[in-house]
């Protein structure tokens, strides 16, 4: 079960490497807040995974993958969720203010996980470059 925090609420004390993903849930009528928060959080040296949908299998699989990334990389992952009616879930993975991966999922959980994994790999490289650029003399 996903723990929910509302916009403006405290999502927890998750830090990179602890396997705890910061989770925020937005009401469907708060799309602008959802997008603005996503853009802001993605530009701060972390991953942001946006999920719009109600499919529990998709949500659980995406959240589990985000936890794995938290545990195996030095980068934080924010999980932003907004409900959306219909059988299709929209997922976007962002880092450094850019969308790395954008997926629409109806039921192909394995395909979604593979695409997100590839996005996390690309994003890890981008974040590592950003981190190295911020610390001159470190390679």
C-alpha atoms as a PDB file:
ATOM      1  CA  UNK A   1       0.000   0.000   0.000  1.00  0.00           C
ATOM      2  CA  UNK A   2       1.332   3.427  -0.892  1.00  0.00           C
ATOM      3  CA  UNK A   3       1.581   5.997   1.855  1.00  0.00           C
ATOM      4  CA  UNK A   4       0.095   9.324   0.796  1.00  0.00           C
ATOM      5  CA  UNK A   5       1.100  12.867   1.594  1.00  0.00           C
ATOM      6  CA  UNK A   6      -0.878  15.830   0.344  1.00  0.00           C
ATOM      7  CA  UNK A   7       0.562  18.859  -1.401  1.00  0.00           C
ATOM      8  CA  UNK A   8       2.079  21.005   1.283  1.00  0.00           C
ATOM      9  CA  UNK A   9       2.220  18.090   3.693  1.00  0.00           C
ATOM     10  CA  UNK A  10       5.283  16.257   4.875  1.00  0.00           C
ATOM     11  CA  UNK A  11       6.004  13.171   2.809  1.00  0.00           C
ATOM     12  CA  UNK A  12       8.653  11.866   5.141  1.00  0.00           C
ATOM     13  CA  UNK A  13      12.326  12.071   5.788  1.00  0.00           C
ATOM     14  CA  UNK A  14      13.462   9.982   2.848  1.00  0.00           C
ATOM     15  CA  UNK A  15      17.041  10.440   1.719  1.00  0.00           C
ATOM     16  CA  UNK A  16      18.916   8.974  -1.217  1.00  0.00           C
ATOM     17  CA  UNK A  17      19.974   5.391  -0.692  1.00  0.00           C
ATOM     18  CA  UNK A  18      17.444   4.500   2.004  1.00  0.00           C
ATOM     19  CA  UNK A  19      14.895   2.881  -0.312  1.00  0.00           C
ATOM     20  CA  UNK A  20      12.196   5.247   0.922  1.00  0.00           C
ATOM     21  CA  UNK A  21      10.577   7.090  -1.951  1.00  0.00           C
ATOM     22  CA  UNK A  22       8.922  10.415  -1.210  1.00  0.00           C
ATOM     23  CA  UNK A  23       5.291  10.048  -2.304  1.00  0.00           C
ATOM     24  CA  UNK A  24       2.904  12.907  -3.038  1.00  0.00           C
ATOM     25  CA  UNK A  25      -0.691  12.517  -4.158  1.00  0.00           C
ATOM     26  CA  UNK A  26      -2.542  15.278  -5.961  1.00  0.00           C
ATOM     27  CA  UNK A  27      -6.287  15.601  -6.449  1.00  0.00           C
ATOM     28  CA  UNK A  28      -7.376  15.270 -10.102  1.00  0.00           C
ATOM     29  CA  UNK A  29      -8.460  18.934 -10.121  1.00  0.00           C
ATOM     30  CA  UNK A  30      -4.962  20.049  -9.038  1.00  0.00           C
ATOM     31  CA  UNK A  31      -3.232  19.266 -12.335  1.00  0.00           C
ATOM     32  CA  UNK A  32      -1.445  22.627 -12.456  1.00  0.00           C
ATOM     33  CA  UNK A  33      -0.046  22.094  -8.948  1.00  0.00           C
ATOM     34  CA  UNK A  34       0.977  18.569  -9.959  1.00  0.00           C
ATOM     35  CA  UNK A  35       2.879  19.736 -13.032  1.00  0.00           C
ATOM     36  CA  UNK A  36       4.502  22.702 -11.271  1.00  0.00           C
ATOM     37  CA  UNK A  37       5.668  20.565  -8.355  1.00  0.00           C
ATOM     38  CA  UNK A  38       7.025  17.951 -10.750  1.00  0.00           C
ATOM     39  CA  UNK A  39       9.008  20.491 -12.730  1.00  0.00           C
ATOM     40  CA  UNK A  40      10.457  22.043  -9.584  1.00  0.00           C
ATOM     41  CA  UNK A  41      11.410  18.759  -7.948  1.00  0.00           C
ATOM     42  CA  UNK A  42      12.922  17.324 -11.127  1.00  0.00           C
ATOM     43  CA  UNK A  43      15.318  20.231 -11.484  1.00  0.00           C
ATOM     44  CA  UNK A  44      17.019  19.666  -8.132  1.00  0.00           C
ATOM     45  CA  UNK A  45      19.328  16.722  -8.789  1.00  0.00           C
ATOM     46  CA  UNK A  46      16.833  13.932  -8.229  1.00  0.00           C
ATOM     47  CA  UNK A  47      14.414  11.752 -10.143  1.00  0.00           C
ATOM     48  CA  UNK A  48      10.738  12.592 -10.273  1.00  0.00           C
ATOM     49  CA  UNK A  49       8.329   9.903 -11.419  1.00  0.00           C
ATOM     50  CA  UNK A  50       4.925  11.298 -12.384  1.00  0.00           C
ATOM     51  CA  UNK A  51       2.085   8.799 -12.553  1.00  0.00           C
ATOM     52  CA  UNK A  52      -1.424   9.703 -13.682  1.00  0.00           C
ATOM     53  CA  UNK A  53      -3.790   6.767 -13.359  1.00  0.00           C
ATOM     54  CA  UNK A  54      -5.748   4.449 -11.112  1.00  0.00           C
ATOM     55  CA  UNK A  55      -4.396   1.024 -12.096  1.00  0.00           C
ATOM     56  CA  UNK A  56      -3.098  -0.453  -8.833  1.00  0.00           C
ATOM     57  CA  UNK A  57      -0.800  -2.911 -10.615  1.00  0.00           C
ATOM     58  CA  UNK A  58       0.892  -0.092 -12.535  1.00  0.00           C
ATOM     59  CA  UNK A  59       1.231   2.031  -9.389  1.00  0.00           C
ATOM     60  CA  UNK A  60       2.731  -0.796  -7.337  1.00  0.00           C
ATOM     61  CA  UNK A  61       5.181  -1.829 -10.065  1.00  0.00           C
ATOM     62  CA  UNK A  62       6.345   1.749 -10.670  1.00  0.00           C
ATOM     63  CA  UNK A  63       6.687   2.430  -6.939  1.00  0.00           C
ATOM     64  CA  UNK A  64       8.633  -0.800  -6.369  1.00  0.00           C
ATOM     65  CA  UNK A  65      11.031   0.109  -9.175  1.00  0.00           C
ATOM     66  CA  UNK A  66      11.455   3.594  -7.690  1.00  0.00           C
ATOM     67  CA  UNK A  67      12.345   1.979  -4.344  1.00  0.00           C
ATOM     68  CA  UNK A  68      14.977  -0.175  -6.059  1.00  0.00           C
ATOM     69  CA  UNK A  69      16.515   2.925  -7.656  1.00  0.00           C
ATOM     70  CA  UNK A  70      16.554   4.648  -4.244  1.00  0.00           C
ATOM     71  CA  UNK A  71      18.408   1.669  -2.761  1.00  0.00           C
ATOM     72  CA  UNK A  72      20.935   1.133  -5.530  1.00  0.00           C
ATOM     73  CA  UNK A  73      21.869   4.674  -6.608  1.00  0.00           C
ATOM     74  CA  UNK A  74      22.934   7.794  -4.740  1.00  0.00           C
ATOM     75  CA  UNK A  75      19.874   9.657  -6.059  1.00  0.00           C
ATOM     76  CA  UNK A  76      16.520  10.479  -4.490  1.00  0.00           C
ATOM     77  CA  UNK A  77      13.237   9.593  -6.176  1.00  0.00           C
ATOM     78  CA  UNK A  78      10.024  11.583  -5.788  1.00  0.00           C
ATOM     79  CA  UNK A  79       6.835   9.739  -6.742  1.00  0.00           C
ATOM     80  CA  UNK A  80       4.003  12.077  -7.720  1.00  0.00           C
ATOM     81  CA  UNK A  81       0.599  10.529  -8.285  1.00  0.00           C
ATOM     82  CA  UNK A  82      -2.653  11.929  -9.597  1.00  0.00           C
ATOM     83  CA  UNK A  83      -5.711   9.845 -10.325  1.00  0.00           C
ATOM     84  CA  UNK A  84      -6.997   9.785 -13.863  1.00  0.00           C
ATOM     85  CA  UNK A  85     -10.069   7.951 -15.045  1.00  0.00           C
ATOM     86  CA  UNK A  86      -9.755   5.268 -17.671  1.00  0.00           C
ATOM     87  CA  UNK A  87      -7.668   2.161 -18.193  1.00  0.00           C
ATOM     88  CA  UNK A  88      -4.520   3.948 -19.408  1.00  0.00           C
ATOM     89  CA  UNK A  89      -1.883   5.270 -17.006  1.00  0.00           C
ATOM     90  CA  UNK A  90       0.537   8.014 -18.046  1.00  0.00           C
ATOM     91  CA  UNK A  91       4.040   7.846 -16.580  1.00  0.00           C
ATOM     92  CA  UNK A  92       6.817  10.376 -16.994  1.00  0.00           C
ATOM     93  CA  UNK A  93      10.300  10.148 -15.547  1.00  0.00           C
ATOM     94  CA  UNK A  94      12.066  13.480 -15.148  1.00  0.00           C
ATOM     95  CA  UNK A  95      15.481  14.643 -14.027  1.00  0.00           C
ATOM     96  CA  UNK A  96      17.294  17.959 -14.340  1.00  0.00           C
ATOM     97  CA  UNK A  97      14.012  19.522 -15.473  1.00  0.00           C
ATOM     98  CA  UNK A  98      13.721  17.238 -18.509  1.00  0.00           C
ATOM     99  CA  UNK A  99      11.445  14.336 -19.352  1.00  0.00           C
ATOM    100  CA  UNK A 100      13.664  11.285 -19.884  1.00  0.00           C
ATOM    101  CA  UNK A 101      10.937   8.701 -20.406  1.00  0.00           C
ATOM    102  CA  UNK A 102       7.247   9.063 -21.205  1.00  0.00           C
ATOM    103  CA  UNK A 103       5.038   5.963 -21.250  1.00  0.00           C
ATOM    104  CA  UNK A 104       1.356   5.162 -21.597  1.00  0.00           C
ATOM    105  CA  UNK A 105       0.488   1.835 -19.997  1.00  0.00           C
ATOM    106  CA  UNK A 106      -2.680  -0.167 -20.395  1.00  0.00           C
ATOM    107  CA  UNK A 107      -1.515  -3.451 -18.953  1.00  0.00           C
ATOM    108  CA  UNK A 108       1.988  -4.304 -20.166  1.00  0.00           C
ATOM    109  CA  UNK A 109       3.666  -4.068 -16.759  1.00  0.00           C
ATOM    110  CA  UNK A 110       6.871  -5.796 -17.920  1.00  0.00           C
ATOM    111  CA  UNK A 111       7.242  -3.391 -20.844  1.00  0.00           C
ATOM    112  CA  UNK A 112       6.645  -0.439 -18.522  1.00  0.00           C
ATOM    113  CA  UNK A 113       9.273  -1.678 -16.053  1.00  0.00           C
ATOM    114  CA  UNK A 114      11.798  -2.180 -18.852  1.00  0.00           C
ATOM    115  CA  UNK A 115      11.208   1.315 -20.268  1.00  0.00           C
ATOM    116  CA  UNK A 116      11.412   2.916 -16.812  1.00  0.00           C
ATOM    117  CA  UNK A 117      14.593   0.963 -15.990  1.00  0.00           C
ATOM    118  CA  UNK A 118      16.218   2.285 -19.159  1.00  0.00           C
ATOM    119  CA  UNK A 119      15.093   5.795 -18.241  1.00  0.00           C
ATOM    120  CA  UNK A 120      16.538   5.469 -14.750  1.00  0.00           C
ATOM    121  CA  UNK A 121      19.851   4.291 -16.273  1.00  0.00           C
ATOM    122  CA  UNK A 122      20.010   7.285 -18.626  1.00  0.00           C
ATOM    123  CA  UNK A 123      18.968   9.621 -15.836  1.00  0.00           C
ATOM    124  CA  UNK A 124      21.597   8.266 -13.448  1.00  0.00           C
ATOM    125  CA  UNK A 125      24.237   9.213 -15.989  1.00  0.00           C
ATOM    126  CA  UNK A 126      22.760  12.705 -16.332  1.00  0.00           C
ATOM    127  CA  UNK A 127      22.605  13.183 -12.560  1.00  0.00           C
ATOM    128  CA  UNK A 128      26.154  11.894 -12.093  1.00  0.00           C
ATOM    129  CA  UNK A 129      27.401  14.402 -14.684  1.00  0.00           C
ATOM    130  CA  UNK A 130      25.528  17.201 -12.929  1.00  0.00           C
ATOM    131  CA  UNK A 131      26.989  16.159  -9.578  1.00  0.00           C
ATOM    132  CA  UNK A 132      30.541  16.012 -10.978  1.00  0.00           C
ATOM    133  CA  UNK A 133      30.126  19.421 -12.647  1.00  0.00           C
ATOM    134  CA  UNK A 134      29.092  20.850  -9.273  1.00  0.00           C
ATOM    135  CA  UNK A 135      32.282  19.511  -7.654  1.00  0.00           C
ATOM    136  CA  UNK A 136      35.309  20.590  -9.718  1.00  0.00           C
ATOM    137  CA  UNK A 137      38.246  18.232  -9.507  1.00  0.00           C
ATOM    138  CA  UNK A 138      36.063  15.192  -8.826  1.00  0.00           C
ATOM    139  CA  UNK A 139      35.863  12.610 -11.577  1.00  0.00           C
END
